N, C-alpha and C. Protein backbone atom coordinates (compact mmCIF):
# COMPACT_ATOMS: atom_id res chain seq x y z
N ASP A 1 -120.39 -24.19 -26.40
CA ASP A 1 -121.08 -24.89 -25.33
C ASP A 1 -120.05 -25.42 -24.33
N ASN A 2 -120.05 -24.86 -23.13
CA ASN A 2 -119.09 -25.29 -22.11
C ASN A 2 -119.71 -26.22 -21.07
N GLY A 3 -120.96 -26.58 -21.22
CA GLY A 3 -121.62 -27.50 -20.31
C GLY A 3 -122.16 -26.88 -19.04
N PHE A 4 -121.93 -25.57 -18.84
CA PHE A 4 -122.41 -24.93 -17.62
C PHE A 4 -123.84 -24.42 -17.74
N CYS A 5 -124.37 -24.44 -18.94
CA CYS A 5 -125.73 -23.96 -19.14
C CYS A 5 -126.48 -24.91 -20.08
N PRO A 6 -126.74 -26.13 -19.60
CA PRO A 6 -127.43 -27.08 -20.48
C PRO A 6 -128.85 -26.63 -20.77
N GLN A 7 -129.34 -27.02 -21.92
CA GLN A 7 -130.69 -26.67 -22.31
C GLN A 7 -131.42 -27.92 -22.77
N TRP A 8 -132.72 -27.95 -22.50
CA TRP A 8 -133.56 -29.06 -22.92
C TRP A 8 -134.68 -28.50 -23.77
N PRO A 9 -134.39 -28.26 -25.06
CA PRO A 9 -135.43 -27.71 -25.91
C PRO A 9 -136.60 -28.68 -26.02
N GLY A 10 -137.78 -28.14 -25.88
CA GLY A 10 -138.97 -28.97 -25.99
C GLY A 10 -139.23 -29.82 -24.75
N ALA A 11 -138.59 -29.50 -23.63
CA ALA A 11 -138.80 -30.28 -22.40
C ALA A 11 -140.27 -30.18 -21.99
N LYS A 12 -140.83 -31.31 -21.60
CA LYS A 12 -142.25 -31.36 -21.26
C LYS A 12 -142.43 -32.10 -19.94
N ALA A 13 -143.55 -31.82 -19.32
CA ALA A 13 -143.91 -32.56 -18.11
C ALA A 13 -144.39 -33.95 -18.53
N PHE A 14 -144.24 -34.90 -17.65
CA PHE A 14 -144.74 -36.23 -17.92
C PHE A 14 -145.39 -36.79 -16.68
N SER A 15 -146.25 -37.76 -16.87
CA SER A 15 -146.92 -38.40 -15.74
C SER A 15 -146.96 -39.91 -15.99
N PHE A 16 -147.10 -40.65 -14.94
CA PHE A 16 -147.17 -42.10 -15.05
C PHE A 16 -147.88 -42.65 -13.83
N GLU A 17 -148.41 -43.85 -13.96
CA GLU A 17 -149.09 -44.53 -12.86
C GLU A 17 -148.15 -45.58 -12.28
N ILE A 18 -148.21 -45.73 -10.97
CA ILE A 18 -147.35 -46.69 -10.29
C ILE A 18 -148.24 -47.69 -9.57
N GLU A 19 -148.01 -48.95 -9.85
CA GLU A 19 -148.80 -50.02 -9.23
C GLU A 19 -148.33 -50.32 -7.80
N ASN A 20 -147.02 -50.34 -7.58
CA ASN A 20 -146.49 -50.69 -6.27
C ASN A 20 -145.41 -49.69 -5.87
N PRO A 21 -145.79 -48.57 -5.24
CA PRO A 21 -144.81 -47.54 -4.90
C PRO A 21 -143.77 -48.00 -3.89
N GLY A 22 -144.02 -49.08 -3.19
CA GLY A 22 -143.06 -49.58 -2.22
C GLY A 22 -141.76 -50.08 -2.83
N ILE A 23 -141.81 -50.50 -4.11
CA ILE A 23 -140.61 -51.01 -4.77
C ILE A 23 -140.24 -50.23 -6.03
N ALA A 24 -141.03 -49.22 -6.39
CA ALA A 24 -140.79 -48.46 -7.63
C ALA A 24 -139.63 -47.47 -7.45
N MET A 25 -138.84 -47.31 -8.52
CA MET A 25 -137.73 -46.36 -8.54
C MET A 25 -137.91 -45.43 -9.74
N LEU A 26 -137.51 -44.18 -9.57
CA LEU A 26 -137.53 -43.21 -10.66
C LEU A 26 -136.08 -42.88 -10.98
N GLU A 27 -135.68 -43.12 -12.24
CA GLU A 27 -134.29 -42.88 -12.63
C GLU A 27 -134.18 -41.65 -13.51
N PHE A 28 -133.20 -40.80 -13.21
CA PHE A 28 -132.86 -39.64 -14.03
C PHE A 28 -131.49 -39.91 -14.63
N THR A 29 -131.36 -39.72 -15.94
CA THR A 29 -130.08 -39.93 -16.63
C THR A 29 -129.77 -38.72 -17.49
N ALA A 30 -128.54 -38.23 -17.41
CA ALA A 30 -128.08 -37.13 -18.26
C ALA A 30 -127.20 -37.71 -19.35
N LEU A 31 -127.55 -37.42 -20.60
CA LEU A 31 -126.80 -37.92 -21.76
C LEU A 31 -126.03 -36.79 -22.41
N HIS A 32 -124.86 -37.13 -22.95
CA HIS A 32 -124.09 -36.18 -23.74
C HIS A 32 -124.35 -36.51 -25.20
N HIS A 33 -124.96 -35.56 -25.91
CA HIS A 33 -125.36 -35.79 -27.30
C HIS A 33 -124.34 -35.18 -28.25
N ASP A 34 -123.77 -36.01 -29.11
CA ASP A 34 -122.88 -35.56 -30.17
C ASP A 34 -123.50 -35.95 -31.51
N GLU A 35 -123.51 -35.01 -32.44
CA GLU A 35 -124.04 -35.31 -33.78
C GLU A 35 -123.24 -36.44 -34.41
N GLY A 36 -123.92 -37.46 -34.87
CA GLY A 36 -123.27 -38.55 -35.58
C GLY A 36 -122.67 -39.62 -34.68
N PHE A 37 -122.79 -39.46 -33.37
CA PHE A 37 -122.24 -40.44 -32.44
C PHE A 37 -123.34 -40.95 -31.52
N ILE A 38 -123.08 -42.04 -30.86
CA ILE A 38 -124.02 -42.57 -29.87
C ILE A 38 -124.00 -41.68 -28.64
N ASP A 39 -125.17 -41.40 -28.08
CA ASP A 39 -125.24 -40.57 -26.87
C ASP A 39 -124.56 -41.30 -25.71
N ASP A 40 -123.71 -40.58 -24.99
CA ASP A 40 -123.00 -41.15 -23.85
C ASP A 40 -123.76 -40.83 -22.56
N LYS A 41 -123.86 -41.83 -21.67
CA LYS A 41 -124.43 -41.58 -20.36
C LYS A 41 -123.38 -40.87 -19.52
N MET A 42 -123.67 -39.65 -19.11
CA MET A 42 -122.72 -38.88 -18.31
C MET A 42 -122.87 -39.21 -16.83
N CYS A 43 -124.09 -39.12 -16.36
CA CYS A 43 -124.35 -39.37 -14.94
C CYS A 43 -125.82 -39.73 -14.77
N ARG A 44 -126.13 -40.27 -13.61
CA ARG A 44 -127.51 -40.66 -13.35
C ARG A 44 -127.74 -40.79 -11.85
N THR A 45 -129.02 -40.93 -11.51
CA THR A 45 -129.40 -41.19 -10.14
C THR A 45 -130.76 -41.90 -10.16
N ALA A 46 -131.04 -42.63 -9.13
CA ALA A 46 -132.33 -43.31 -8.99
C ALA A 46 -132.87 -43.01 -7.60
N ILE A 47 -134.16 -42.70 -7.54
CA ILE A 47 -134.79 -42.32 -6.28
C ILE A 47 -135.97 -43.25 -6.04
N PRO A 48 -136.08 -43.84 -4.85
CA PRO A 48 -137.27 -44.63 -4.54
C PRO A 48 -138.51 -43.73 -4.57
N VAL A 49 -139.55 -44.17 -5.23
CA VAL A 49 -140.77 -43.36 -5.35
C VAL A 49 -141.34 -43.02 -3.98
N ARG A 50 -141.24 -43.93 -3.03
CA ARG A 50 -141.79 -43.66 -1.69
C ARG A 50 -141.06 -42.52 -0.98
N CYS A 51 -139.88 -42.13 -1.47
CA CYS A 51 -139.10 -41.03 -0.87
C CYS A 51 -139.37 -39.69 -1.54
N LEU A 52 -140.12 -39.67 -2.64
CA LEU A 52 -140.40 -38.42 -3.34
C LEU A 52 -141.32 -37.53 -2.51
N ARG A 53 -141.07 -36.25 -2.56
CA ARG A 53 -141.91 -35.26 -1.89
C ARG A 53 -142.31 -34.22 -2.92
N GLN A 54 -143.48 -33.62 -2.71
CA GLN A 54 -143.98 -32.62 -3.65
C GLN A 54 -143.16 -31.34 -3.58
N GLY A 55 -143.17 -30.62 -4.70
CA GLY A 55 -142.51 -29.32 -4.77
C GLY A 55 -141.24 -29.36 -5.62
N LEU A 56 -140.49 -28.27 -5.59
CA LEU A 56 -139.23 -28.19 -6.30
C LEU A 56 -138.17 -28.97 -5.53
N ARG A 57 -137.47 -29.84 -6.21
CA ARG A 57 -136.45 -30.69 -5.58
C ARG A 57 -135.16 -30.64 -6.38
N SER A 58 -134.05 -30.70 -5.68
CA SER A 58 -132.73 -30.75 -6.29
C SER A 58 -132.26 -32.20 -6.27
N VAL A 59 -132.02 -32.75 -7.45
CA VAL A 59 -131.63 -34.16 -7.58
C VAL A 59 -130.12 -34.24 -7.81
N GLN A 60 -129.42 -34.96 -6.94
CA GLN A 60 -127.96 -35.15 -7.03
C GLN A 60 -127.63 -36.24 -8.06
N PHE A 61 -126.62 -35.99 -8.89
CA PHE A 61 -126.19 -36.98 -9.88
C PHE A 61 -124.94 -37.72 -9.42
N TYR A 62 -124.77 -38.93 -9.94
CA TYR A 62 -123.60 -39.76 -9.64
C TYR A 62 -123.03 -40.30 -10.95
N ASP A 63 -121.72 -40.61 -10.94
CA ASP A 63 -121.11 -41.19 -12.13
C ASP A 63 -121.36 -42.70 -12.18
N ARG A 64 -120.76 -43.39 -13.14
CA ARG A 64 -121.04 -44.82 -13.32
C ARG A 64 -120.55 -45.68 -12.16
N ASN A 65 -119.69 -45.15 -11.29
CA ASN A 65 -119.21 -45.89 -10.13
C ASN A 65 -119.96 -45.53 -8.85
N SER A 66 -121.11 -44.89 -9.01
CA SER A 66 -121.93 -44.43 -7.88
C SER A 66 -121.19 -43.47 -6.97
N GLN A 67 -120.29 -42.69 -7.55
CA GLN A 67 -119.54 -41.67 -6.82
C GLN A 67 -119.91 -40.31 -7.39
N HIS A 68 -119.67 -39.27 -6.59
CA HIS A 68 -119.93 -37.92 -7.09
C HIS A 68 -118.92 -37.56 -8.18
N GLY A 69 -117.64 -37.88 -7.98
CA GLY A 69 -116.61 -37.61 -8.96
C GLY A 69 -116.70 -36.20 -9.51
N SER A 70 -116.61 -36.09 -10.84
CA SER A 70 -116.65 -34.78 -11.47
C SER A 70 -118.06 -34.17 -11.46
N PHE A 71 -119.03 -34.93 -10.96
CA PHE A 71 -120.41 -34.44 -10.91
C PHE A 71 -120.83 -34.06 -9.49
N ALA A 72 -119.86 -33.75 -8.65
CA ALA A 72 -120.15 -33.44 -7.24
C ALA A 72 -121.12 -32.27 -7.10
N PHE A 73 -121.09 -31.34 -8.05
CA PHE A 73 -121.98 -30.18 -7.96
C PHE A 73 -123.09 -30.21 -9.01
N ALA A 74 -123.20 -31.33 -9.72
CA ALA A 74 -124.24 -31.44 -10.75
C ALA A 74 -125.58 -31.75 -10.10
N ARG A 75 -126.57 -30.95 -10.40
CA ARG A 75 -127.91 -31.14 -9.86
C ARG A 75 -128.92 -30.94 -10.98
N LEU A 76 -130.06 -31.54 -10.80
CA LEU A 76 -131.18 -31.33 -11.71
C LEU A 76 -132.34 -30.83 -10.86
N LEU A 77 -132.90 -29.70 -11.24
CA LEU A 77 -134.03 -29.13 -10.51
C LEU A 77 -135.31 -29.67 -11.13
N VAL A 78 -136.12 -30.37 -10.33
CA VAL A 78 -137.36 -30.96 -10.81
C VAL A 78 -138.53 -30.48 -9.96
N CYS A 79 -139.68 -30.41 -10.57
CA CYS A 79 -140.91 -30.07 -9.86
C CYS A 79 -141.75 -31.34 -9.76
N VAL A 80 -142.01 -31.79 -8.55
CA VAL A 80 -142.73 -33.04 -8.33
C VAL A 80 -144.15 -32.73 -7.87
N GLU A 81 -145.11 -33.34 -8.54
CA GLU A 81 -146.52 -33.26 -8.14
C GLU A 81 -147.02 -34.69 -8.01
N ILE A 82 -147.60 -35.00 -6.87
CA ILE A 82 -148.07 -36.36 -6.61
C ILE A 82 -149.58 -36.34 -6.43
N GLU A 83 -150.26 -37.19 -7.17
CA GLU A 83 -151.71 -37.35 -7.04
C GLU A 83 -151.98 -38.79 -6.63
N GLN A 84 -152.79 -38.95 -5.62
CA GLN A 84 -153.18 -40.29 -5.20
C GLN A 84 -154.56 -40.59 -5.77
N HIS A 85 -154.65 -41.68 -6.48
CA HIS A 85 -155.92 -42.10 -7.06
C HIS A 85 -156.44 -43.28 -6.26
N ILE A 86 -157.65 -43.15 -5.76
CA ILE A 86 -158.27 -44.24 -5.00
C ILE A 86 -159.18 -44.99 -5.94
N PRO A 87 -158.91 -46.28 -6.19
CA PRO A 87 -159.75 -47.04 -7.13
C PRO A 87 -161.16 -47.24 -6.57
N TRP A 88 -162.11 -47.28 -7.49
CA TRP A 88 -163.49 -47.55 -7.11
C TRP A 88 -163.62 -49.01 -6.71
N LYS A 89 -164.43 -49.26 -5.69
CA LYS A 89 -164.63 -50.64 -5.24
C LYS A 89 -165.91 -51.20 -5.78
């Protein structure tokens, strides 16, 4: 495993409800998993929910100092689907 072809066995879609999209953030974190050790946070990013757009999106990762560093070319491809629910009055 050289890290150039990560795999997420059993990866599934997920959904959630947001009460206040004006202040909500969605965080993506990549962990390095070693058998018998605590998973290390490699990189992460947070995106304001109000900035999300539907479709396939490339998410840029940052290291713990909010810099690209060794993750300058690290991306996560995500498929975003947004449904607006209008509550009954």
